[in-house]
Amino acid sequence: MSAPDNIAFHAADPAGGNGVVVLLFRPDADGLVRVREWSSAHYTAPGREDVVPADEMRARVEEWARAGWKLTESPVRIAHWLEGRG
């Protein structure tokens, strides 16, 4: 079974500040992942888009988890998805 083409999650700031809604698109052959994200406060506005290395995105998610951010997807699941494992 292959991983879905994208994964979405919400990262909520533990201090009650604005969180982030994140949509990740499958990494390409060079390990780059397209990212679209919105502030929780402005999720109806157009999302900000970027392309980052999958390792950088995984480190960002791990840092959120270490800092106590609440994620709607497990950091382990996100890491596995970024690696193409589902």
N, C-alpha and C. Protein backbone atom coordinates (compact mmCIF):
# COMPACT_ATOMS: atom_id res chain seq x y z
N MET A 1 0.85 -1.18 0.00
CA MET A 1 0.00 0.00 0.00
C MET A 1 0.89 1.24 0.00
N SER A 2 0.64 2.17 -0.90
CA SER A 2 1.47 3.37 -0.97
C SER A 2 0.87 4.48 -0.12
N ALA A 3 1.73 5.44 0.21
CA ALA A 3 1.30 6.58 1.01
C ALA A 3 0.38 7.47 0.18
N PRO A 4 -0.57 8.15 0.84
CA PRO A 4 -1.43 9.08 0.11
C PRO A 4 -0.59 10.24 -0.45
N ASP A 5 -1.12 10.93 -1.45
CA ASP A 5 -0.39 12.02 -2.10
C ASP A 5 -0.19 13.24 -1.21
N ASN A 6 -1.02 13.39 -0.18
CA ASN A 6 -0.82 14.51 0.73
C ASN A 6 -1.29 14.13 2.12
N ILE A 7 -0.87 14.96 3.08
CA ILE A 7 -1.28 14.78 4.46
C ILE A 7 -1.49 16.17 5.05
N ALA A 8 -2.51 16.31 5.85
CA ALA A 8 -2.83 17.60 6.47
C ALA A 8 -2.92 17.41 7.98
N PHE A 9 -2.55 18.46 8.70
CA PHE A 9 -2.66 18.42 10.16
C PHE A 9 -2.70 19.83 10.71
N HIS A 10 -3.13 19.94 11.95
CA HIS A 10 -3.15 21.21 12.66
C HIS A 10 -2.14 21.12 13.80
N ALA A 11 -1.35 22.16 13.97
CA ALA A 11 -0.41 22.27 15.07
C ALA A 11 -0.88 23.43 15.95
N ALA A 12 -1.28 23.11 17.19
CA ALA A 12 -1.82 24.13 18.09
C ALA A 12 -0.76 24.56 19.10
N ASP A 13 -0.54 25.84 19.19
CA ASP A 13 0.43 26.43 20.11
C ASP A 13 0.01 26.15 21.55
N PRO A 14 0.90 25.56 22.37
CA PRO A 14 0.52 25.25 23.75
C PRO A 14 0.28 26.50 24.60
N ALA A 15 0.80 27.64 24.18
CA ALA A 15 0.61 28.88 24.93
C ALA A 15 -0.69 29.57 24.55
N GLY A 16 -1.45 28.97 23.62
CA GLY A 16 -2.72 29.55 23.23
C GLY A 16 -2.62 30.54 22.08
N GLY A 17 -1.43 30.71 21.54
CA GLY A 17 -1.27 31.60 20.39
C GLY A 17 -1.81 30.94 19.13
N ASN A 18 -1.62 31.62 18.02
CA ASN A 18 -2.09 31.07 16.75
C ASN A 18 -1.35 29.79 16.40
N GLY A 19 -2.10 28.81 15.99
CA GLY A 19 -1.53 27.58 15.50
C GLY A 19 -1.36 27.65 14.00
N VAL A 20 -1.09 26.49 13.41
CA VAL A 20 -0.84 26.42 11.98
C VAL A 20 -1.57 25.21 11.41
N VAL A 21 -2.27 25.41 10.29
CA VAL A 21 -2.85 24.32 9.52
C VAL A 21 -1.86 24.05 8.39
N VAL A 22 -1.42 22.79 8.26
CA VAL A 22 -0.37 22.44 7.31
C VAL A 22 -0.88 21.37 6.34
N LEU A 23 -0.60 21.56 5.07
CA LEU A 23 -0.88 20.57 4.03
C LEU A 23 0.45 20.27 3.35
N LEU A 24 0.84 19.00 3.39
CA LEU A 24 2.08 18.56 2.76
C LEU A 24 1.76 17.72 1.54
N PHE A 25 2.53 17.93 0.47
CA PHE A 25 2.39 17.14 -0.75
C PHE A 25 3.57 16.19 -0.85
N ARG A 26 3.34 15.03 -1.42
CA ARG A 26 4.35 13.98 -1.50
C ARG A 26 5.72 14.53 -1.92
N PRO A 27 6.78 14.16 -1.19
CA PRO A 27 8.12 14.60 -1.58
C PRO A 27 8.48 14.10 -2.99
N ASP A 28 9.25 14.92 -3.70
CA ASP A 28 9.67 14.53 -5.05
C ASP A 28 10.94 13.67 -4.98
N ALA A 29 11.48 13.32 -6.12
CA ALA A 29 12.65 12.43 -6.19
C ALA A 29 13.88 13.04 -5.51
N ASP A 30 13.91 14.36 -5.39
CA ASP A 30 15.04 15.04 -4.74
C ASP A 30 14.82 15.22 -3.24
N GLY A 31 13.69 14.71 -2.71
CA GLY A 31 13.41 14.83 -1.29
C GLY A 31 12.84 16.18 -0.90
N LEU A 32 12.30 16.92 -1.87
CA LEU A 32 11.69 18.21 -1.57
C LEU A 32 10.18 18.04 -1.45
N VAL A 33 9.61 18.69 -0.46
CA VAL A 33 8.18 18.59 -0.21
C VAL A 33 7.55 19.98 -0.35
N ARG A 34 6.44 20.02 -1.09
CA ARG A 34 5.69 21.27 -1.22
C ARG A 34 4.80 21.40 0.01
N VAL A 35 4.81 22.57 0.60
CA VAL A 35 4.08 22.85 1.84
C VAL A 35 3.13 24.01 1.60
N ARG A 36 1.90 23.85 2.04
CA ARG A 36 0.95 24.97 2.07
C ARG A 36 0.49 25.09 3.51
N GLU A 37 0.54 26.29 4.06
CA GLU A 37 0.12 26.45 5.45
C GLU A 37 -0.65 27.74 5.66
N TRP A 38 -1.49 27.68 6.67
CA TRP A 38 -2.35 28.78 7.05
C TRP A 38 -2.22 29.00 8.55
N SER A 39 -2.34 30.24 8.97
CA SER A 39 -2.46 30.53 10.39
C SER A 39 -3.85 30.07 10.84
N SER A 40 -3.95 29.51 12.02
CA SER A 40 -5.26 29.11 12.54
C SER A 40 -6.22 30.29 12.61
N ALA A 41 -5.67 31.47 12.82
CA ALA A 41 -6.51 32.67 12.93
C ALA A 41 -7.04 33.12 11.58
N HIS A 42 -6.39 32.70 10.49
CA HIS A 42 -6.78 33.17 9.15
C HIS A 42 -6.83 32.00 8.17
N TYR A 43 -7.44 30.90 8.58
CA TYR A 43 -7.44 29.70 7.73
C TYR A 43 -8.27 29.85 6.45
N THR A 44 -9.10 30.89 6.35
CA THR A 44 -9.86 31.10 5.12
C THR A 44 -9.08 31.95 4.10
N ALA A 45 -7.98 32.53 4.53
CA ALA A 45 -7.13 33.31 3.62
C ALA A 45 -6.32 32.34 2.76
N PRO A 46 -5.77 32.82 1.66
CA PRO A 46 -4.92 31.94 0.85
C PRO A 46 -3.73 31.43 1.67
N GLY A 47 -3.40 30.18 1.48
CA GLY A 47 -2.28 29.60 2.20
C GLY A 47 -0.94 30.08 1.68
N ARG A 48 0.05 30.09 2.56
CA ARG A 48 1.42 30.42 2.16
C ARG A 48 2.06 29.14 1.64
N GLU A 49 2.72 29.21 0.49
CA GLU A 49 3.32 28.02 -0.10
C GLU A 49 4.83 28.11 -0.06
N ASP A 50 5.46 26.94 0.08
CA ASP A 50 6.91 26.85 0.12
C ASP A 50 7.31 25.46 -0.35
N VAL A 51 8.57 25.30 -0.66
CA VAL A 51 9.14 23.99 -0.97
C VAL A 51 10.37 23.85 -0.09
N VAL A 52 10.39 22.78 0.72
CA VAL A 52 11.49 22.57 1.67
C VAL A 52 11.94 21.12 1.61
N PRO A 53 13.17 20.85 2.04
CA PRO A 53 13.60 19.46 2.13
C PRO A 53 12.73 18.71 3.15
N ALA A 54 12.41 17.46 2.85
CA ALA A 54 11.58 16.65 3.75
C ALA A 54 12.21 16.56 5.13
N ASP A 55 13.54 16.47 5.21
CA ASP A 55 14.22 16.40 6.51
C ASP A 55 13.97 17.66 7.34
N GLU A 56 13.93 18.80 6.66
CA GLU A 56 13.66 20.07 7.35
C GLU A 56 12.24 20.09 7.89
N MET A 57 11.29 19.60 7.10
CA MET A 57 9.90 19.57 7.56
C MET A 57 9.75 18.62 8.73
N ARG A 58 10.40 17.46 8.64
CA ARG A 58 10.34 16.50 9.75
C ARG A 58 10.92 17.10 11.03
N ALA A 59 12.04 17.83 10.91
CA ALA A 59 12.65 18.47 12.08
C ALA A 59 11.72 19.52 12.67
N ARG A 60 11.02 20.24 11.82
CA ARG A 60 10.07 21.26 12.29
C ARG A 60 8.94 20.61 13.09
N VAL A 61 8.40 19.51 12.57
CA VAL A 61 7.32 18.80 13.27
C VAL A 61 7.83 18.24 14.60
N GLU A 62 9.04 17.67 14.60
CA GLU A 62 9.61 17.13 15.84
C GLU A 62 9.83 18.24 16.87
N GLU A 63 10.24 19.41 16.42
CA GLU A 63 10.43 20.54 17.33
C GLU A 63 9.09 20.99 17.93
N TRP A 64 8.05 21.06 17.10
CA TRP A 64 6.72 21.38 17.63
C TRP A 64 6.34 20.39 18.73
N ALA A 65 6.53 19.11 18.47
CA ALA A 65 6.16 18.08 19.45
C ALA A 65 6.97 18.24 20.74
N ARG A 66 8.27 18.47 20.63
CA ARG A 66 9.12 18.67 21.82
C ARG A 66 8.69 19.91 22.62
N ALA A 67 8.22 20.93 21.91
CA ALA A 67 7.82 22.18 22.56
C ALA A 67 6.40 22.10 23.13
N GLY A 68 5.74 20.96 22.98
CA GLY A 68 4.42 20.77 23.56
C GLY A 68 3.25 21.16 22.68
N TRP A 69 3.52 21.45 21.39
CA TRP A 69 2.41 21.75 20.49
C TRP A 69 1.55 20.51 20.33
N LYS A 70 0.25 20.69 20.23
CA LYS A 70 -0.69 19.59 19.99
C LYS A 70 -0.87 19.42 18.49
N LEU A 71 -0.61 18.23 18.00
CA LEU A 71 -0.72 17.93 16.57
C LEU A 71 -1.88 16.97 16.34
N THR A 72 -2.65 17.21 15.29
CA THR A 72 -3.78 16.32 14.99
C THR A 72 -3.33 15.04 14.30
N GLU A 73 -2.08 14.97 13.89
CA GLU A 73 -1.48 13.73 13.37
C GLU A 73 -0.25 13.44 14.22
N SER A 74 0.03 12.19 14.44
CA SER A 74 1.21 11.81 15.20
C SER A 74 2.48 12.26 14.47
N PRO A 75 3.46 12.82 15.20
CA PRO A 75 4.73 13.17 14.57
C PRO A 75 5.40 11.96 13.91
N VAL A 76 5.21 10.78 14.48
CA VAL A 76 5.77 9.56 13.89
C VAL A 76 5.09 9.27 12.55
N ARG A 77 3.77 9.40 12.49
CA ARG A 77 3.06 9.17 11.23
C ARG A 77 3.49 10.18 10.17
N ILE A 78 3.65 11.44 10.56
CA ILE A 78 4.09 12.46 9.61
C ILE A 78 5.50 12.13 9.10
N ALA A 79 6.40 11.72 10.00
CA ALA A 79 7.76 11.36 9.59
C ALA A 79 7.74 10.17 8.63
N HIS A 80 6.94 9.15 8.95
CA HIS A 80 6.84 7.99 8.05
C HIS A 80 6.28 8.40 6.69
N TRP A 81 5.29 9.28 6.69
CA TRP A 81 4.70 9.73 5.43
C TRP A 81 5.76 10.46 4.61
N LEU A 82 6.54 11.34 5.26
CA LEU A 82 7.58 12.07 4.56
C LEU A 82 8.64 11.13 3.95
N GLU A 83 8.82 9.96 4.58
CA GLU A 83 9.76 8.96 4.09
C GLU A 83 9.13 8.03 3.06
N GLY A 84 7.84 8.24 2.77
CA GLY A 84 7.15 7.39 1.80
C GLY A 84 6.66 6.09 2.36
N ARG A 85 6.58 5.99 3.70
CA ARG A 85 6.15 4.74 4.33
C ARG A 85 4.73 4.78 4.83
N GLY A 86 3.98 5.80 4.44
CA GLY A 86 2.58 5.77 4.78
C GLY A 86 2.10 6.74 5.71
